[in-house]
N, C-alpha and C. Protein backbone atom coordinates (compact mmCIF):
# COMPACT_ATOMS: atom_id res chain seq x y z
N MET A 1 1.37 -1.11 0.15
CA MET A 1 0.21 -0.25 0.15
C MET A 1 0.86 1.58 -0.66
N VAL A 2 0.81 2.30 -1.09
CA VAL A 2 1.49 3.57 -0.78
C VAL A 2 1.02 4.42 -0.09
N GLU A 3 1.46 4.65 0.68
CA GLU A 3 1.64 5.90 1.68
C GLU A 3 2.06 7.69 1.12
N ARG A 4 1.23 8.33 0.84
CA ARG A 4 2.38 9.71 1.02
C ARG A 4 1.35 10.91 1.85
N GLU A 5 2.61 10.76 2.73
CA GLU A 5 2.62 12.63 3.28
C GLU A 5 2.54 13.15 2.99
N LEU A 6 1.79 14.17 3.31
CA LEU A 6 1.80 15.47 3.20
C LEU A 6 2.11 16.37 3.71
N GLU A 7 3.20 17.34 3.55
CA GLU A 7 4.20 18.23 5.00
C GLU A 7 4.31 19.63 4.25
N VAL A 8 3.48 20.69 4.52
CA VAL A 8 3.60 21.78 3.88
C VAL A 8 4.18 22.51 4.35
N LEU A 9 5.05 23.73 3.67
CA LEU A 9 5.92 24.23 4.64
C LEU A 9 5.86 26.36 3.99
N VAL A 10 6.63 26.14 4.41
CA VAL A 10 5.94 27.82 4.27
C VAL A 10 5.94 28.93 2.70
N ASP A 11 7.25 28.36 2.10
CA ASP A 11 8.37 28.79 1.08
C ASP A 11 9.49 27.80 0.66
N ALA A 12 10.05 27.60 -0.45
CA ALA A 12 10.99 26.84 -1.01
C ALA A 12 11.91 26.55 -0.38
N ASP A 13 12.31 27.76 0.27
CA ASP A 13 13.68 27.60 1.08
C ASP A 13 13.17 26.82 2.85
N ALA A 14 12.23 26.97 3.00
CA ALA A 14 11.62 26.43 4.66
C ALA A 14 11.63 24.55 3.63
N VAL A 15 10.82 25.24 2.62
CA VAL A 15 10.77 22.78 1.79
C VAL A 15 12.74 22.41 1.81
N ALA A 16 13.49 23.22 1.61
CA ALA A 16 14.57 23.01 1.14
C ALA A 16 15.24 22.62 2.48
N ARG A 17 15.07 23.48 3.71
CA ARG A 17 15.60 23.41 4.90
C ARG A 17 15.01 22.16 5.07
N ARG A 18 14.08 21.77 5.40
CA ARG A 18 13.27 20.35 6.33
C ARG A 18 13.64 19.70 5.79
N ALA A 19 13.42 19.56 4.14
CA ALA A 19 14.33 18.24 3.07
C ALA A 19 15.86 17.85 4.40
N ALA A 20 16.25 18.54 3.96
CA ALA A 20 18.08 18.49 4.60
C ALA A 20 17.87 17.96 5.96
N SER A 21 17.19 18.17 6.78
CA SER A 21 16.93 17.51 7.76
C SER A 21 16.24 16.42 7.79
N VAL A 22 15.90 15.99 6.83
CA VAL A 22 14.86 14.83 6.21
C VAL A 22 16.14 14.17 5.33
N VAL A 23 17.27 14.52 5.10
CA VAL A 23 18.40 13.37 4.97
C VAL A 23 19.16 12.77 5.54
N ALA A 24 19.06 14.27 6.73
CA ALA A 24 20.45 14.00 7.02
C ALA A 24 19.72 13.51 8.06
N ALA A 25 19.16 13.11 8.79
CA ALA A 25 18.57 11.96 9.53
C ALA A 25 18.20 10.87 9.54
N SER A 26 17.62 10.40 8.31
CA SER A 26 18.18 8.84 7.28
C SER A 26 19.16 8.72 7.43
N ILE A 27 20.62 9.25 7.11
CA ILE A 27 21.84 9.14 6.77
C ILE A 27 21.97 8.41 8.14
N ARG A 28 21.90 9.39 8.94
CA ARG A 28 22.31 9.00 10.85
C ARG A 28 21.96 7.87 11.21
N ALA A 29 20.63 7.52 10.88
CA ALA A 29 19.26 6.04 11.70
C ALA A 29 20.23 5.67 10.40
N ALA A 30 20.17 5.12 10.10
CA ALA A 30 20.17 3.94 8.70
C ALA A 30 21.82 2.79 9.36
N PRO A 31 21.83 1.98 9.45
CA PRO A 31 23.22 0.96 9.73
C PRO A 31 23.94 1.79 9.15
N ASP A 32 25.98 0.90 9.36
CA ASP A 32 26.47 0.97 8.81
C ASP A 32 26.58 -0.34 7.28
N LEU A 33 26.49 0.85 6.54
CA LEU A 33 25.96 -0.93 5.60
C LEU A 33 27.40 -0.89 4.51
N PRO A 34 27.56 -2.06 4.06
CA PRO A 34 29.03 -2.00 3.13
C PRO A 34 29.10 -1.42 2.48
N ASP A 35 27.50 -1.15 1.56
CA ASP A 35 27.56 -0.34 0.41
C ASP A 35 26.78 0.87 0.08
N GLY A 36 27.41 1.57 1.68
CA GLY A 36 26.84 2.96 1.78
C GLY A 36 25.15 3.47 1.92
N PHE A 37 25.23 4.43 2.55
CA PHE A 37 23.45 4.76 2.29
C PHE A 37 23.47 4.73 0.37
N SER A 38 22.32 4.46 -0.15
CA SER A 38 22.86 4.42 -0.80
C SER A 38 21.31 5.75 -1.44
N PHE A 39 21.82 6.65 -1.78
CA PHE A 39 20.78 8.06 -2.43
C PHE A 39 20.73 8.76 -3.27
N ALA A 40 19.60 8.58 -3.89
CA ALA A 40 19.62 9.07 -5.77
C ALA A 40 19.04 10.26 -5.59
N VAL A 41 19.78 11.36 -5.88
CA VAL A 41 18.87 12.88 -6.13
C VAL A 41 18.73 13.21 -8.02
N SER A 42 17.39 13.86 -7.68
CA SER A 42 16.36 14.37 -9.48
C SER A 42 17.22 15.67 -9.17
N GLY A 43 16.58 16.64 -10.74
CA GLY A 43 17.63 17.86 -11.00
C GLY A 43 16.54 18.45 -10.57
N GLY A 44 17.02 20.05 -10.38
CA GLY A 44 16.09 20.68 -10.12
C GLY A 44 16.56 22.07 -9.11
N ARG A 45 16.40 22.96 -8.74
CA ARG A 45 16.10 23.85 -8.16
C ARG A 45 16.49 23.69 -6.54
N THR A 46 15.48 23.25 -5.83
CA THR A 46 15.52 22.94 -5.27
C THR A 46 16.13 22.39 -4.28
N PRO A 47 16.85 20.76 -5.44
CA PRO A 47 17.57 20.16 -4.02
C PRO A 47 18.65 20.77 -3.94
N TRP A 48 18.83 21.59 -4.39
CA TRP A 48 20.94 22.25 -4.60
C TRP A 48 20.49 23.62 -3.52
N ARG A 49 19.84 23.84 -3.09
CA ARG A 49 19.19 24.25 -2.12
C ARG A 49 19.73 23.46 -0.64
N MET A 50 18.79 22.41 -1.14
CA MET A 50 18.74 21.38 0.09
C MET A 50 20.24 20.59 0.58
N PHE A 51 21.06 20.60 -0.32
CA PHE A 51 22.32 20.64 -0.30
C PHE A 51 23.24 21.45 0.06
N GLY A 52 22.99 22.71 0.51
CA GLY A 52 23.39 23.98 1.10
C GLY A 52 22.77 23.43 2.42
N TYR A 53 21.93 23.23 2.26
CA TYR A 53 21.57 23.67 3.98
C TYR A 53 21.98 21.87 4.35
N LEU A 54 22.19 21.06 4.53
CA LEU A 54 22.88 20.16 4.41
C LEU A 54 24.84 20.39 4.53
N ALA A 55 25.36 21.27 3.54
CA ALA A 55 26.67 21.96 4.06
C ALA A 55 27.11 22.11 5.73
N ALA A 56 26.16 22.20 6.21
CA ALA A 56 26.19 23.52 7.42
C ALA A 56 25.37 21.64 8.83
N ILE A 57 25.20 20.70 8.23
CA ILE A 57 24.81 20.30 8.92
C ILE A 57 26.18 18.54 9.29
N ASP A 58 25.72 18.18 10.65
CA ASP A 58 27.13 17.47 10.64
C ASP A 58 26.75 15.71 10.16
N VAL A 59 27.04 15.65 8.84
CA VAL A 59 26.49 14.42 8.03
C VAL A 59 28.02 13.40 7.37
N PRO A 60 27.63 12.43 8.29
CA PRO A 60 28.51 10.98 7.53
C PRO A 60 28.85 10.17 5.87
N TRP A 61 28.78 11.76 5.35
CA TRP A 61 29.67 11.17 3.78
C TRP A 61 30.23 10.59 3.47
N ASP A 62 30.58 9.38 4.50
CA ASP A 62 31.70 8.93 3.63
C ASP A 62 30.36 7.35 3.60
N ARG A 63 30.06 6.77 4.23
CA ARG A 63 29.00 6.27 4.28
C ARG A 63 27.87 6.44 3.57
N VAL A 64 27.74 7.24 2.81
CA VAL A 64 27.27 7.86 1.36
C VAL A 64 27.20 7.16 0.23
N ALA A 65 26.40 7.07 -0.31
CA ALA A 65 26.91 6.97 -2.09
C ALA A 65 25.48 7.40 -2.82
N ILE A 66 25.70 9.00 -3.71
CA ILE A 66 24.70 9.23 -4.29
C ILE A 66 24.85 8.80 -5.57
N TRP A 67 23.57 8.54 -6.10
CA TRP A 67 23.05 8.27 -7.37
C TRP A 67 22.74 9.02 -7.69
N GLN A 68 22.14 9.38 -9.37
CA GLN A 68 21.45 10.56 -9.79
C GLN A 68 19.98 9.40 -10.66
N VAL A 69 19.03 10.23 -9.98
CA VAL A 69 17.47 9.82 -10.65
C VAL A 69 17.49 10.26 -12.30
N ASP A 70 18.29 10.65 -12.73
CA ASP A 70 17.37 11.41 -14.03
C ASP A 70 19.01 12.18 -14.12
N GLU A 71 19.24 12.00 -15.90
CA GLU A 71 20.50 13.26 -16.47
C GLU A 71 20.07 13.39 -18.22
N ARG A 72 20.35 15.01 -18.40
CA ARG A 72 20.11 15.14 -19.49
C ARG A 72 21.15 14.78 -20.63
N VAL A 73 21.08 13.78 -21.33
CA VAL A 73 22.43 13.64 -22.22
C VAL A 73 22.83 15.03 -23.27
N ALA A 74 24.30 15.26 -22.83
CA ALA A 74 24.64 16.35 -22.93
C ALA A 74 25.76 16.58 -22.85
N PRO A 75 27.28 16.94 -22.67
CA PRO A 75 28.86 17.22 -22.70
C PRO A 75 28.72 17.17 -21.24
N GLN A 76 30.20 16.88 -21.02
CA GLN A 76 30.41 16.96 -19.70
C GLN A 76 30.39 18.55 -19.63
N SER A 77 29.64 19.26 -18.25
CA SER A 77 30.31 19.89 -17.30
C SER A 77 29.10 21.09 -18.25
N ASP A 78 28.18 20.66 -19.59
CA ASP A 78 27.69 21.47 -19.93
C ASP A 78 26.33 21.88 -18.72
N PRO A 79 25.71 23.26 -18.65
CA PRO A 79 24.70 24.18 -18.18
C PRO A 79 23.53 22.74 -17.87
N ASP A 80 23.41 22.62 -19.09
CA ASP A 80 22.36 21.80 -18.90
C ASP A 80 22.32 20.39 -17.71
N ARG A 81 23.39 19.74 -17.72
CA ARG A 81 23.76 18.83 -16.70
C ARG A 81 23.04 18.93 -15.65
N ASN A 82 22.50 17.69 -14.97
CA ASN A 82 21.86 17.89 -13.56
C ASN A 82 23.45 18.03 -12.47
N LEU A 83 24.98 17.17 -13.39
CA LEU A 83 25.97 16.64 -12.89
C LEU A 83 26.24 18.37 -11.95
N THR A 84 26.61 19.68 -13.55
CA THR A 84 27.19 20.24 -13.03
C THR A 84 26.97 21.37 -11.64
N SER A 85 24.94 20.93 -11.48
CA SER A 85 24.62 22.02 -10.45
C SER A 85 25.14 20.39 -8.93
N LEU A 86 24.77 19.77 -9.32
CA LEU A 86 24.99 19.21 -7.93
C LEU A 86 26.25 18.80 -7.69
N ILE A 87 26.81 18.99 -8.22
CA ILE A 87 28.38 18.72 -8.14
C ILE A 87 28.96 19.91 -7.08
N ALA A 88 28.10 21.01 -7.82
CA ALA A 88 28.53 22.77 -7.20
C ALA A 88 27.62 23.07 -6.06
N SER A 89 26.49 22.31 -5.73
CA SER A 89 25.97 22.98 -4.46
C SER A 89 26.27 21.93 -2.88
N LEU A 90 26.48 20.77 -4.15
CA LEU A 90 27.40 19.17 -2.71
C LEU A 90 28.30 19.88 -1.70
N PRO A 91 27.95 19.37 -0.50
CA PRO A 91 29.73 19.45 0.56
C PRO A 91 30.88 19.44 0.20
N GLU A 92 31.77 19.85 0.24
CA GLU A 92 33.53 19.30 -0.62
C GLU A 92 33.69 17.79 0.59
N PRO A 93 33.08 17.22 1.21
CA PRO A 93 33.41 15.53 1.63
C PRO A 93 32.15 14.87 0.87
N ALA A 94 31.46 15.50 0.22
CA ALA A 94 30.45 14.39 -0.11
C ALA A 94 30.35 14.78 -2.17
N ARG A 95 31.56 14.99 -2.42
CA ARG A 95 31.50 15.90 -4.44
C ARG A 95 31.91 14.22 -3.96
N GLY A 96 33.12 13.41 -3.67
CA GLY A 96 33.13 11.83 -4.13
C GLY A 96 33.08 10.60 -4.15
N SER A 97 31.54 11.09 -3.52
CA SER A 97 30.87 9.69 -3.06
C SER A 97 29.80 9.70 -4.74
N VAL A 98 29.53 10.79 -5.09
CA VAL A 98 28.52 10.79 -6.79
C VAL A 98 28.89 9.80 -7.36
N ARG A 99 27.51 9.12 -8.23
CA ARG A 99 28.32 8.00 -9.44
C ARG A 99 27.03 8.35 -10.41
N PRO A 100 28.01 9.71 -11.32
CA PRO A 100 27.12 9.94 -12.51
C PRO A 100 27.14 9.24 -13.57
N MET A 101 25.60 9.48 -14.15
CA MET A 101 25.03 9.03 -15.54
C MET A 101 26.23 9.23 -16.24
N PRO A 102 26.12 8.06 -17.35
CA PRO A 102 27.17 8.02 -18.43
C PRO A 102 26.83 8.31 -19.67
N VAL A 103 26.25 9.48 -19.20
CA VAL A 103 24.82 10.13 -20.81
C VAL A 103 26.16 10.77 -21.76
N GLU A 104 27.79 10.70 -21.53
CA GLU A 104 28.73 11.47 -22.42
C GLU A 104 28.62 9.77 -23.75
N ALA A 105 28.37 8.33 -23.28
CA ALA A 105 29.10 7.17 -24.12
C ALA A 105 28.21 7.45 -25.04
N GLU A 106 28.54 6.06 -26.04
CA GLU A 106 28.61 6.66 -27.30
C GLU A 106 27.48 5.73 -27.67
N ASP A 107 27.46 4.21 -27.26
CA ASP A 107 26.35 3.82 -26.81
C ASP A 107 25.13 3.90 -26.03
N LEU A 108 24.63 4.74 -25.68
CA LEU A 108 23.83 5.17 -24.40
C LEU A 108 22.88 4.28 -23.76
N GLU A 109 22.05 3.38 -24.93
CA GLU A 109 21.82 2.05 -24.39
C GLU A 109 22.12 1.32 -23.62
N ALA A 110 23.48 0.75 -23.91
CA ALA A 110 25.18 0.17 -23.29
C ALA A 110 25.13 0.41 -22.10
N ALA A 111 25.44 1.66 -21.80
CA ALA A 111 25.76 2.97 -20.65
C ALA A 111 24.16 2.50 -19.66
N ALA A 112 23.19 2.57 -19.97
CA ALA A 112 22.38 3.15 -19.20
C ALA A 112 22.13 0.80 -18.85
N ALA A 113 22.71 0.39 -19.27
CA ALA A 113 22.34 -1.42 -18.72
C ALA A 113 23.67 -1.33 -17.88
N GLU A 114 24.75 -0.42 -18.09
CA GLU A 114 26.30 -0.45 -17.25
C GLU A 114 25.33 -0.05 -15.92
N TYR A 115 25.11 1.51 -16.00
CA TYR A 115 25.04 1.70 -14.67
C TYR A 115 23.44 1.42 -13.79
N ALA A 116 22.95 0.45 -14.45
CA ALA A 116 21.97 -0.51 -13.80
C ALA A 116 22.33 -1.25 -13.33
N ASP A 117 23.24 -2.06 -13.93
CA ASP A 117 23.91 -3.26 -13.38
C ASP A 117 24.96 -2.82 -11.87
N ALA A 118 25.14 -1.31 -12.01
CA ALA A 118 25.94 -1.05 -10.19
C ALA A 118 24.67 -0.18 -9.50
N LEU A 119 23.57 -0.04 -9.76
CA LEU A 119 23.04 0.13 -8.53
C LEU A 119 23.05 -0.79 -7.66
N PRO A 120 22.53 -0.08 -6.32
CA PRO A 120 22.50 -1.26 -5.15
C PRO A 120 20.57 -1.42 -5.19
N ALA A 121 20.94 -2.87 -4.97
CA ALA A 121 19.64 -4.08 -4.57
C ALA A 121 18.12 -2.77 -4.69
N ILE A 122 18.69 -1.65 -3.59
CA ILE A 122 17.13 -0.94 -3.03
C ILE A 122 17.82 -0.01 -2.71
N PHE A 123 17.54 1.32 -3.18
CA PHE A 123 17.42 2.37 -2.34
C PHE A 123 17.36 3.16 -0.92
N ASP A 124 17.38 3.45 -0.17
CA ASP A 124 17.41 4.12 0.61
C ASP A 124 16.63 5.14 1.06
N LEU A 125 16.63 5.93 -0.10
CA LEU A 125 15.86 7.52 -0.24
C LEU A 125 16.60 7.68 -1.46
N VAL A 126 15.33 8.58 -1.85
CA VAL A 126 15.55 9.06 -3.44
C VAL A 126 14.32 9.87 -3.47
N HIS A 127 14.96 11.10 -3.65
CA HIS A 127 14.41 12.36 -3.77
C HIS A 127 14.53 12.68 -5.68
N LEU A 128 12.19 12.80 -4.94
CA LEU A 128 11.96 13.09 -6.52
C LEU A 128 11.29 14.81 -6.51
N GLY A 129 11.86 15.21 -8.30
CA GLY A 129 10.65 16.89 -8.47
C GLY A 129 9.20 16.76 -8.92
N LEU A 130 8.45 17.41 -8.95
CA LEU A 130 7.18 16.94 -9.57
C LEU A 130 7.23 18.25 -10.79
N GLY A 131 7.01 17.88 -11.90
CA GLY A 131 6.93 18.77 -12.59
C GLY A 131 5.28 19.81 -13.00
N ASP A 132 5.36 20.25 -14.21
CA ASP A 132 4.33 21.13 -14.08
C ASP A 132 3.42 20.07 -15.58
N ASP A 133 3.31 18.98 -16.13
CA ASP A 133 2.96 18.75 -16.90
C ASP A 133 3.11 17.35 -15.82
N GLY A 134 3.02 16.72 -14.52
CA GLY A 134 2.91 15.70 -14.10
C GLY A 134 4.11 14.87 -14.20
N HIS A 135 5.55 15.03 -14.47
CA HIS A 135 6.24 14.46 -14.71
C HIS A 135 6.98 14.49 -13.88
N THR A 136 8.18 13.50 -13.68
CA THR A 136 8.90 13.34 -12.57
C THR A 136 10.58 11.68 -13.23
N ALA A 137 11.40 12.59 -12.59
CA ALA A 137 12.47 12.31 -12.79
C ALA A 137 12.51 12.75 -13.83
N SER A 138 12.89 11.48 -15.07
CA SER A 138 12.41 11.91 -16.64
C SER A 138 11.64 11.37 -16.87
N LEU A 139 10.44 10.31 -16.64
CA LEU A 139 9.37 10.26 -16.89
C LEU A 139 8.29 11.26 -17.10
N VAL A 140 7.80 11.35 -18.25
CA VAL A 140 7.23 12.34 -18.58
C VAL A 140 5.94 12.31 -20.13
N PRO A 141 4.76 12.44 -19.77
CA PRO A 141 3.86 12.32 -20.63
C PRO A 141 4.02 11.82 -22.21
N GLY A 142 3.62 10.68 -22.85
CA GLY A 142 3.78 9.63 -23.67
C GLY A 142 4.75 8.72 -23.79
N ASP A 143 5.91 8.91 -23.32
CA ASP A 143 7.34 8.42 -23.46
C ASP A 143 6.99 6.80 -22.87
N PRO A 144 8.26 6.56 -23.84
CA PRO A 144 7.85 4.59 -23.90
C PRO A 144 8.46 4.19 -23.17
N ALA A 145 9.41 5.03 -22.21
CA ALA A 145 10.37 5.12 -20.94
C ALA A 145 8.88 4.40 -20.39
N LEU A 146 7.13 5.44 -19.68
CA LEU A 146 7.16 4.99 -18.78
C LEU A 146 6.60 3.76 -18.77
N GLU A 147 7.06 2.86 -19.77
CA GLU A 147 6.06 1.24 -19.66
C GLU A 147 6.85 0.00 -19.77
N VAL A 148 8.53 0.86 -19.26
CA VAL A 148 9.55 0.20 -19.23
C VAL A 148 9.91 -0.94 -17.72
N ARG A 149 9.61 -1.95 -17.80
CA ARG A 149 9.43 -2.68 -16.65
C ARG A 149 10.32 -4.08 -16.73
N ASP A 150 11.41 -4.21 -17.82
CA ASP A 150 12.46 -4.90 -17.09
C ASP A 150 13.79 -4.25 -17.30
N ARG A 151 13.52 -3.11 -16.78
CA ARG A 151 14.68 -2.21 -16.90
C ARG A 151 15.16 -1.53 -15.41
N LEU A 152 15.75 -0.45 -14.96
CA LEU A 152 15.67 -0.03 -14.08
C LEU A 152 16.75 1.41 -14.48
N VAL A 153 17.14 1.51 -15.58
CA VAL A 153 17.38 2.50 -16.40
C VAL A 153 17.18 2.21 -17.93
N ALA A 154 16.71 3.69 -18.63
CA ALA A 154 16.31 3.56 -19.76
C ALA A 154 16.85 4.75 -20.28
N ILE A 155 17.03 5.34 -21.69
CA ILE A 155 17.14 5.98 -22.43
C ILE A 155 15.79 6.78 -22.96
N THR A 156 15.49 7.86 -22.99
CA THR A 156 13.89 8.35 -23.43
C THR A 156 14.62 9.43 -24.57
N GLY A 157 13.12 9.23 -25.20
CA GLY A 157 12.76 10.61 -26.20
C GLY A 157 13.67 12.04 -26.20
N GLU A 158 13.18 13.25 -26.88
CA GLU A 158 13.80 14.46 -26.99
C GLU A 158 12.21 14.62 -25.92
N TYR A 159 12.82 15.85 -24.77
CA TYR A 159 12.10 16.60 -24.02
C TYR A 159 12.27 17.71 -23.49
N ARG A 160 11.70 18.44 -24.39
CA ARG A 160 12.00 20.07 -24.26
C ARG A 160 13.79 19.77 -24.15
N GLY A 161 14.29 19.98 -25.26
CA GLY A 161 15.49 19.88 -25.99
C GLY A 161 16.31 18.96 -25.96
N ARG A 162 16.18 18.27 -25.14
CA ARG A 162 17.28 16.18 -24.89
C ARG A 162 16.31 15.44 -24.50
N ARG A 163 17.25 14.13 -24.52
CA ARG A 163 17.13 13.43 -24.73
C ARG A 163 17.85 13.15 -23.10
N ARG A 164 17.04 11.84 -22.32
CA ARG A 164 17.39 11.86 -21.46
C ARG A 164 18.00 10.32 -20.74
N MET A 165 19.06 10.54 -20.16
CA MET A 165 18.60 8.75 -19.48
C MET A 165 18.20 8.87 -17.81
N THR A 166 17.34 8.12 -17.47
CA THR A 166 16.64 8.24 -16.28
C THR A 166 16.32 6.08 -15.44
N LEU A 167 16.24 6.70 -14.04
CA LEU A 167 15.87 5.64 -12.98
C LEU A 167 14.15 5.18 -13.88
N THR A 168 13.57 4.03 -14.15
CA THR A 168 12.20 3.95 -14.50
C THR A 168 11.50 3.22 -13.02
N TYR A 169 10.66 3.02 -12.91
CA TYR A 169 9.17 2.69 -12.18
C TYR A 169 10.26 1.79 -11.32
N PRO A 170 10.79 -0.04 -11.82
CA PRO A 170 11.40 -0.75 -10.88
C PRO A 170 12.67 -0.37 -10.07
N ALA A 171 12.71 0.73 -10.08
CA ALA A 171 13.69 0.79 -9.85
C ALA A 171 13.02 2.17 -8.71
N LEU A 172 12.80 3.46 -8.58
CA LEU A 172 11.98 3.75 -7.99
C LEU A 172 10.78 3.11 -6.76
N ASP A 173 10.60 2.02 -7.18
CA ASP A 173 9.52 1.63 -6.95
C ASP A 173 9.71 0.77 -5.19
N HIS A 174 10.91 0.15 -5.20
CA HIS A 174 12.06 -0.19 -4.05
C HIS A 174 11.93 0.63 -3.18
N ALA A 175 12.10 2.13 -3.36
CA ALA A 175 12.87 2.50 -2.45
C ALA A 175 12.08 2.86 -1.19
N VAL A 176 13.82 1.96 -0.10
CA VAL A 176 12.69 2.69 1.59
C VAL A 176 12.06 3.47 2.06
N GLN A 177 12.47 4.71 1.47
CA GLN A 177 12.18 6.17 1.02
C GLN A 177 11.95 6.66 0.28
N ILE A 178 10.94 7.57 -0.54
CA ILE A 178 11.06 9.12 -1.71
C ILE A 178 10.88 10.16 -0.92
N VAL A 179 11.39 11.17 -0.97
CA VAL A 179 10.85 12.79 -0.31
C VAL A 179 10.74 13.35 -2.29
N TRP A 180 9.79 13.71 -1.96
CA TRP A 180 9.04 14.15 -3.08
C TRP A 180 9.59 16.68 -2.24
N LEU A 181 9.85 16.89 -3.45
CA LEU A 181 10.28 18.18 -3.33
C LEU A 181 9.32 19.06 -4.24
N VAL A 182 8.42 19.55 -3.99
CA VAL A 182 7.15 20.55 -5.13
C VAL A 182 7.03 21.42 -4.04
N THR A 183 7.61 22.56 -4.92
CA THR A 183 7.72 24.23 -5.02
C THR A 183 6.36 25.36 -6.26
N GLY A 184 6.14 25.74 -5.38
CA GLY A 184 5.55 26.96 -7.35
C GLY A 184 3.33 27.06 -7.12
N ALA A 185 3.19 27.89 -7.38
CA ALA A 185 1.62 27.60 -7.43
C ALA A 185 1.43 27.12 -9.15
N ASP A 186 2.69 26.21 -9.68
CA ASP A 186 2.39 25.83 -11.01
C ASP A 186 2.74 24.68 -10.73
N LYS A 187 2.80 24.10 -9.79
CA LYS A 187 2.86 22.10 -9.22
C LYS A 187 1.18 22.26 -8.64
N SER A 188 0.33 22.64 -8.42
CA SER A 188 -0.69 22.64 -7.49
C SER A 188 -1.40 21.32 -8.01
N GLU A 189 -2.25 22.51 -9.06
CA GLU A 189 -2.64 20.63 -9.90
C GLU A 189 -2.18 19.27 -9.61
N PRO A 190 -0.33 19.52 -10.32
CA PRO A 190 -0.31 18.30 -10.99
C PRO A 190 0.38 17.13 -9.33
N LEU A 191 0.22 18.56 -8.37
CA LEU A 191 0.86 18.33 -6.83
C LEU A 191 -0.93 16.96 -6.15
N ARG A 192 -1.79 18.02 -6.41
CA ARG A 192 -3.36 17.73 -6.04
C ARG A 192 -3.07 15.60 -6.77
N ARG A 193 -3.70 15.87 -8.22
CA ARG A 193 -3.22 14.58 -8.84
C ARG A 193 -2.22 13.44 -8.32
N LEU A 194 -0.61 14.42 -7.54
CA LEU A 194 0.23 13.10 -7.12
C LEU A 194 -0.57 12.38 -6.02
N LEU A 195 -0.78 13.06 -4.90
CA LEU A 195 -1.80 13.15 -3.78
C LEU A 195 -3.33 12.34 -3.88
N GLU A 196 -3.34 12.22 -4.71
CA GLU A 196 -5.04 11.37 -5.49
C GLU A 196 -4.07 9.82 -5.75
N GLY A 197 -2.98 10.01 -5.94
CA GLY A 197 -2.25 8.22 -6.77
C GLY A 197 -2.98 8.48 -8.40
N ASP A 198 -2.96 9.55 -8.82
CA ASP A 198 -4.24 9.83 -10.33
C ASP A 198 -2.73 9.43 -11.14
N ARG A 199 -3.08 7.85 -11.80
CA ARG A 199 -1.52 6.81 -12.95
C ARG A 199 -1.79 7.53 -14.24
N SER A 200 -2.42 8.71 -14.06
CA SER A 200 -2.79 8.89 -15.60
C SER A 200 -1.75 9.94 -15.36
N ILE A 201 -1.11 10.97 -14.90
CA ILE A 201 0.94 11.73 -14.81
C ILE A 201 1.34 9.85 -14.55
N PRO A 202 2.82 10.75 -15.17
CA PRO A 202 4.02 9.96 -14.27
C PRO A 202 3.98 9.76 -12.47
N ALA A 203 4.09 11.22 -12.44
CA ALA A 203 4.24 11.09 -10.82
C ALA A 203 3.40 10.20 -10.03
N GLY A 204 1.92 10.13 -10.71
CA GLY A 204 1.14 9.25 -9.53
C GLY A 204 1.52 7.73 -9.71
N ARG A 205 2.49 7.42 -11.02
CA ARG A 205 2.59 5.65 -10.79
C ARG A 205 3.66 5.48 -10.10
N VAL A 206 4.32 6.27 -9.48
CA VAL A 206 5.59 5.85 -8.44
C VAL A 206 4.90 4.92 -7.54
N ALA A 207 5.06 3.38 -7.42
CA ALA A 207 4.30 2.76 -6.25
C ALA A 207 5.43 2.52 -4.97
N ALA A 208 6.06 3.67 -4.60
CA ALA A 208 6.66 3.07 -3.07
C ALA A 208 6.01 3.33 -1.63
N ALA A 209 6.68 1.70 -1.42
CA ALA A 209 5.10 2.55 -0.26
C ALA A 209 5.78 3.87 0.74
N ARG A 210 6.76 3.80 0.83
CA ARG A 210 6.73 5.01 2.34
C ARG A 210 7.48 6.74 1.17
N GLN A 211 6.65 7.99 1.36
CA GLN A 211 6.81 8.41 0.06
C GLN A 211 6.04 9.78 1.00
N ARG A 212 7.29 10.90 1.01
CA ARG A 212 6.94 12.38 2.16
C ARG A 212 7.02 13.23 0.71
N VAL A 213 6.26 13.60 0.91
CA VAL A 213 6.27 14.86 -0.19
C VAL A 213 6.29 16.32 0.34
N LEU A 214 7.24 17.16 0.50
CA LEU A 214 7.50 18.28 1.48
C LEU A 214 7.13 19.53 0.37
N ALA A 215 5.70 20.27 0.24
CA ALA A 215 5.53 21.34 -0.22
C ALA A 215 5.60 22.55 0.18
N ASP A 216 5.57 23.58 -1.01
CA ASP A 216 5.47 25.12 0.26
C ASP A 216 4.22 25.76 0.30
N ARG A 217 3.42 26.27 0.64
CA ARG A 217 2.10 26.79 0.31
C ARG A 217 1.96 26.92 -1.03
N ALA A 218 2.87 27.88 -1.91
CA ALA A 218 1.93 28.40 -3.40
C ALA A 218 1.52 26.76 -4.05
N ALA A 219 2.65 25.41 -3.22
CA ALA A 219 2.26 24.57 -4.13
C ALA A 219 0.78 23.73 -3.81
N ALA A 220 0.52 23.73 -2.38
CA ALA A 220 -0.19 23.24 -1.44
C ALA A 220 -1.06 23.74 -1.94
N GLY A 221 -1.50 25.06 -2.30
CA GLY A 221 -2.78 25.59 -2.22
C GLY A 221 -3.82 25.32 -1.50
N ASP A 222 -5.45 24.97 -1.84
CA ASP A 222 -6.03 24.70 -0.73
C ASP A 222 -6.05 23.39 -0.02
N LEU A 223 -4.40 22.44 -0.04
CA LEU A 223 -4.64 21.10 0.74
C LEU A 223 -3.77 21.53 1.86
N ALA A 224 -3.07 22.50 1.87
CA ALA A 224 -2.69 22.95 3.08
C ALA A 224 -3.68 23.49 3.88
N GLU A 225 -5.27 23.31 4.19
CA GLU A 225 -5.95 24.05 4.71
C GLU A 225 -7.19 22.39 5.37
N GLY A 226 -6.34 21.26 4.75
CA GLY A 226 -6.99 19.86 4.86
C GLY A 226 -6.08 19.50 5.73
């Protein structure tokens, strides 16, 4: 059974601050696993703010492996790359923990399979965002990747100018915990549909049992009063 717990914060900065505390607490509470605490991170501005707050918290980064949820197919250091902003925003001790998606490979399908082979059996924590069209990760409306069930990582068609590499539902659905960061008034309708489990939007299909939704008041709208 899927449980989506909504927590409404005053603004995007408060969402990022709260997310940092959730991530830090999750890492601290986890046992000292041989392969580390597995943390998968999506792109977007809110997680970069989150890492800014994490830099001020004592986190045992040597116990953490940071994976990418999705990445645009673009050259190294391209400003479109999620990795570029991720590395810049991470605390210095955490930067060596990042496992970048190999989107510069000539054979993207083979590279996606190799990344999938290296993934942990289960993610301890996955951060997801929510697009104004209801997409999450790079699982976007109408893309064939939405139907992939036999692979943990897939290559999408072009979306907003770029093809992408993304974790698929089988990878996301087995996460111990998912934390959604949702900010802005343009997310109010997709957020409502996410919380209703509306499978007509890609985000609504994520079936991990434990999901925490951190939203600002602009995104939550009337939901904040419920």
